Amino acid sequence: MAEIELKTAPADFRFPTTNQTRHCFTRYIEFHRCVAAKGDESGDCGKFAKYYRSLCPGEWVEKWNEQRETGTFPGPL
């Protein structure tokens, strides 16, 4: 059986505290900005997806996705 290697987002000097809420939100926005700029098929955006998925609770991501679909997302995309 292959060994699974688990990783999370690297340390980011913009978020020095243990509360990672803002870090999660920023990584989510970075991913969607990357997709908007480079397209869904771009492999360059994969690292941002991995980062926000490891930092953000699934419920938040679901809510943000719904908000993006309805045009009510509070962040700058």
N, C-alpha and C. Protein backbone atom coordinates (compact mmCIF):
# COMPACT_ATOMS: atom_id res chain seq x y z
N MET A 1 0.84 -1.17 0.00
CA MET A 1 0.00 0.00 0.00
C MET A 1 0.89 1.24 0.00
N ALA A 2 0.54 2.23 -0.81
CA ALA A 2 1.33 3.46 -0.89
C ALA A 2 1.10 4.32 0.34
N GLU A 3 2.16 4.96 0.77
CA GLU A 3 2.07 5.82 1.95
C GLU A 3 1.52 7.18 1.53
N ILE A 4 0.60 7.71 2.29
CA ILE A 4 -0.01 9.00 2.00
C ILE A 4 0.75 10.07 2.77
N GLU A 5 1.13 11.12 2.05
CA GLU A 5 1.85 12.23 2.68
C GLU A 5 0.88 13.40 2.86
N LEU A 6 0.66 13.80 4.10
CA LEU A 6 -0.24 14.91 4.39
C LEU A 6 0.55 16.19 4.55
N LYS A 7 0.07 17.25 3.92
CA LYS A 7 0.71 18.56 4.01
C LYS A 7 -0.35 19.62 4.20
N THR A 8 0.06 20.74 4.71
CA THR A 8 -0.83 21.89 4.83
C THR A 8 -0.15 23.08 4.18
N ALA A 9 -0.82 24.20 4.19
CA ALA A 9 -0.26 25.40 3.60
C ALA A 9 1.01 25.81 4.34
N PRO A 10 1.98 26.36 3.62
CA PRO A 10 3.21 26.80 4.30
C PRO A 10 2.94 28.02 5.18
N ALA A 11 3.84 28.29 6.09
CA ALA A 11 3.70 29.46 6.96
C ALA A 11 3.68 30.72 6.10
N ASP A 12 2.90 31.68 6.52
CA ASP A 12 2.76 32.94 5.77
C ASP A 12 2.97 34.08 6.75
N PHE A 13 3.96 34.92 6.49
CA PHE A 13 4.30 36.00 7.41
C PHE A 13 3.16 36.99 7.60
N ARG A 14 2.18 37.01 6.69
CA ARG A 14 1.04 37.94 6.83
C ARG A 14 0.10 37.50 7.93
N PHE A 15 0.23 36.25 8.40
CA PHE A 15 -0.67 35.71 9.40
C PHE A 15 0.12 35.08 10.54
N PRO A 16 0.72 35.90 11.40
CA PRO A 16 1.61 35.38 12.43
C PRO A 16 0.92 34.75 13.64
N THR A 17 -0.36 34.95 13.80
CA THR A 17 -1.04 34.42 14.98
C THR A 17 -1.56 33.01 14.72
N THR A 18 -2.02 32.38 15.77
CA THR A 18 -2.52 31.01 15.63
C THR A 18 -3.91 30.97 15.02
N ASN A 19 -4.66 32.06 15.06
CA ASN A 19 -5.98 32.10 14.45
C ASN A 19 -5.80 32.17 12.93
N GLN A 20 -6.21 31.12 12.24
CA GLN A 20 -5.96 31.02 10.81
C GLN A 20 -7.17 31.41 9.95
N THR A 21 -8.16 32.07 10.53
CA THR A 21 -9.36 32.44 9.79
C THR A 21 -9.02 33.33 8.60
N ARG A 22 -8.26 34.36 8.82
CA ARG A 22 -7.92 35.28 7.73
C ARG A 22 -7.03 34.59 6.70
N HIS A 23 -6.13 33.75 7.15
CA HIS A 23 -5.26 32.99 6.25
C HIS A 23 -6.12 32.12 5.33
N CYS A 24 -7.09 31.43 5.89
CA CYS A 24 -8.01 30.59 5.13
C CYS A 24 -8.74 31.41 4.08
N PHE A 25 -9.32 32.53 4.49
CA PHE A 25 -10.10 33.39 3.59
C PHE A 25 -9.22 33.92 2.45
N THR A 26 -8.01 34.34 2.78
CA THR A 26 -7.09 34.87 1.77
C THR A 26 -6.71 33.80 0.76
N ARG A 27 -6.44 32.60 1.21
CA ARG A 27 -6.08 31.52 0.29
C ARG A 27 -7.25 31.15 -0.62
N TYR A 28 -8.46 31.20 -0.08
CA TYR A 28 -9.65 30.94 -0.89
C TYR A 28 -9.76 31.97 -2.01
N ILE A 29 -9.58 33.23 -1.65
CA ILE A 29 -9.65 34.31 -2.64
C ILE A 29 -8.52 34.17 -3.66
N GLU A 30 -7.31 33.86 -3.22
CA GLU A 30 -6.19 33.69 -4.14
C GLU A 30 -6.47 32.59 -5.15
N PHE A 31 -7.07 31.50 -4.72
CA PHE A 31 -7.40 30.42 -5.64
C PHE A 31 -8.37 30.91 -6.72
N HIS A 32 -9.44 31.57 -6.30
CA HIS A 32 -10.45 31.99 -7.27
C HIS A 32 -9.95 33.12 -8.18
N ARG A 33 -9.08 33.95 -7.69
CA ARG A 33 -8.45 34.95 -8.56
C ARG A 33 -7.57 34.28 -9.61
N CYS A 34 -6.84 33.27 -9.20
CA CYS A 34 -5.97 32.52 -10.11
C CYS A 34 -6.80 31.85 -11.20
N VAL A 35 -7.89 31.21 -10.82
CA VAL A 35 -8.76 30.55 -11.78
C VAL A 35 -9.36 31.57 -12.75
N ALA A 36 -9.75 32.73 -12.24
CA ALA A 36 -10.31 33.77 -13.10
C ALA A 36 -9.28 34.29 -14.10
N ALA A 37 -8.03 34.38 -13.66
CA ALA A 37 -6.97 34.90 -14.52
C ALA A 37 -6.43 33.87 -15.50
N LYS A 38 -6.32 32.61 -15.07
CA LYS A 38 -5.64 31.60 -15.87
C LYS A 38 -6.55 30.50 -16.40
N GLY A 39 -7.78 30.43 -15.91
CA GLY A 39 -8.71 29.40 -16.37
C GLY A 39 -8.74 28.19 -15.47
N ASP A 40 -9.82 27.43 -15.61
CA ASP A 40 -10.04 26.24 -14.77
C ASP A 40 -9.00 25.14 -15.01
N GLU A 41 -8.46 25.08 -16.20
CA GLU A 41 -7.55 24.00 -16.56
C GLU A 41 -6.10 24.27 -16.15
N SER A 42 -5.81 25.46 -15.63
CA SER A 42 -4.44 25.81 -15.28
C SER A 42 -3.96 25.04 -14.06
N GLY A 43 -2.81 24.41 -14.19
CA GLY A 43 -2.22 23.69 -13.07
C GLY A 43 -1.60 24.61 -12.05
N ASP A 44 -1.40 25.88 -12.42
CA ASP A 44 -0.79 26.85 -11.51
C ASP A 44 -1.65 27.13 -10.28
N CYS A 45 -2.95 26.93 -10.40
CA CYS A 45 -3.86 27.26 -9.31
C CYS A 45 -4.03 26.12 -8.30
N GLY A 46 -3.52 24.96 -8.62
CA GLY A 46 -3.70 23.80 -7.76
C GLY A 46 -3.15 23.98 -6.36
N LYS A 47 -2.01 24.68 -6.25
CA LYS A 47 -1.42 24.86 -4.92
C LYS A 47 -2.33 25.71 -4.03
N PHE A 48 -3.00 26.72 -4.63
CA PHE A 48 -3.90 27.55 -3.84
C PHE A 48 -5.12 26.74 -3.38
N ALA A 49 -5.60 25.85 -4.24
CA ALA A 49 -6.72 24.99 -3.87
C ALA A 49 -6.33 24.10 -2.71
N LYS A 50 -5.14 23.53 -2.79
CA LYS A 50 -4.65 22.65 -1.71
C LYS A 50 -4.53 23.43 -0.40
N TYR A 51 -4.05 24.67 -0.49
CA TYR A 51 -3.88 25.49 0.72
C TYR A 51 -5.22 25.79 1.38
N TYR A 52 -6.18 26.32 0.59
CA TYR A 52 -7.44 26.69 1.26
C TYR A 52 -8.20 25.46 1.73
N ARG A 53 -8.09 24.35 1.02
CA ARG A 53 -8.79 23.13 1.46
C ARG A 53 -8.21 22.57 2.74
N SER A 54 -6.93 22.81 2.99
CA SER A 54 -6.33 22.31 4.23
C SER A 54 -6.57 23.26 5.40
N LEU A 55 -6.84 24.52 5.12
CA LEU A 55 -7.03 25.52 6.18
C LEU A 55 -8.49 25.77 6.54
N CYS A 56 -9.38 25.72 5.56
CA CYS A 56 -10.76 26.16 5.76
C CYS A 56 -11.70 25.01 6.09
N PRO A 57 -12.60 25.23 7.06
CA PRO A 57 -13.64 24.23 7.32
C PRO A 57 -14.54 24.07 6.10
N GLY A 58 -14.98 22.87 5.82
CA GLY A 58 -15.83 22.59 4.66
C GLY A 58 -17.11 23.40 4.64
N GLU A 59 -17.68 23.67 5.80
CA GLU A 59 -18.92 24.45 5.86
C GLU A 59 -18.71 25.86 5.34
N TRP A 60 -17.56 26.44 5.65
CA TRP A 60 -17.26 27.79 5.17
C TRP A 60 -17.13 27.80 3.65
N VAL A 61 -16.42 26.82 3.13
CA VAL A 61 -16.20 26.75 1.68
C VAL A 61 -17.54 26.58 0.96
N GLU A 62 -18.41 25.72 1.48
CA GLU A 62 -19.73 25.53 0.89
C GLU A 62 -20.51 26.85 0.88
N LYS A 63 -20.47 27.56 2.00
CA LYS A 63 -21.20 28.82 2.10
C LYS A 63 -20.62 29.85 1.12
N TRP A 64 -19.29 29.94 1.06
CA TRP A 64 -18.66 30.90 0.14
C TRP A 64 -18.96 30.56 -1.31
N ASN A 65 -18.98 29.26 -1.64
CA ASN A 65 -19.32 28.87 -3.00
C ASN A 65 -20.74 29.27 -3.36
N GLU A 66 -21.66 29.07 -2.42
CA GLU A 66 -23.05 29.49 -2.64
C GLU A 66 -23.12 31.01 -2.82
N GLN A 67 -22.39 31.74 -1.99
CA GLN A 67 -22.40 33.20 -2.09
C GLN A 67 -21.81 33.67 -3.42
N ARG A 68 -20.77 33.01 -3.91
CA ARG A 68 -20.20 33.38 -5.21
C ARG A 68 -21.21 33.14 -6.32
N GLU A 69 -21.95 32.04 -6.24
CA GLU A 69 -22.95 31.72 -7.25
C GLU A 69 -24.09 32.72 -7.27
N THR A 70 -24.46 33.23 -6.09
CA THR A 70 -25.57 34.18 -6.01
C THR A 70 -25.12 35.64 -6.11
N GLY A 71 -23.82 35.85 -6.17
CA GLY A 71 -23.30 37.22 -6.29
C GLY A 71 -23.24 37.99 -4.98
N THR A 72 -23.27 37.29 -3.86
CA THR A 72 -23.27 37.97 -2.55
C THR A 72 -21.98 37.73 -1.77
N PHE A 73 -20.95 37.18 -2.42
CA PHE A 73 -19.69 36.90 -1.72
C PHE A 73 -19.06 38.21 -1.27
N PRO A 74 -18.65 38.30 0.02
CA PRO A 74 -18.16 39.57 0.55
C PRO A 74 -16.72 39.92 0.17
N GLY A 75 -15.98 39.00 -0.39
CA GLY A 75 -14.57 39.25 -0.69
C GLY A 75 -14.34 39.79 -2.08
N PRO A 76 -13.14 40.33 -2.30
CA PRO A 76 -12.78 40.87 -3.61
C PRO A 76 -12.26 39.76 -4.54
N LEU A 77 -13.09 39.35 -5.47
CA LEU A 77 -12.67 38.34 -6.43
C LEU A 77 -12.44 39.06 -7.72
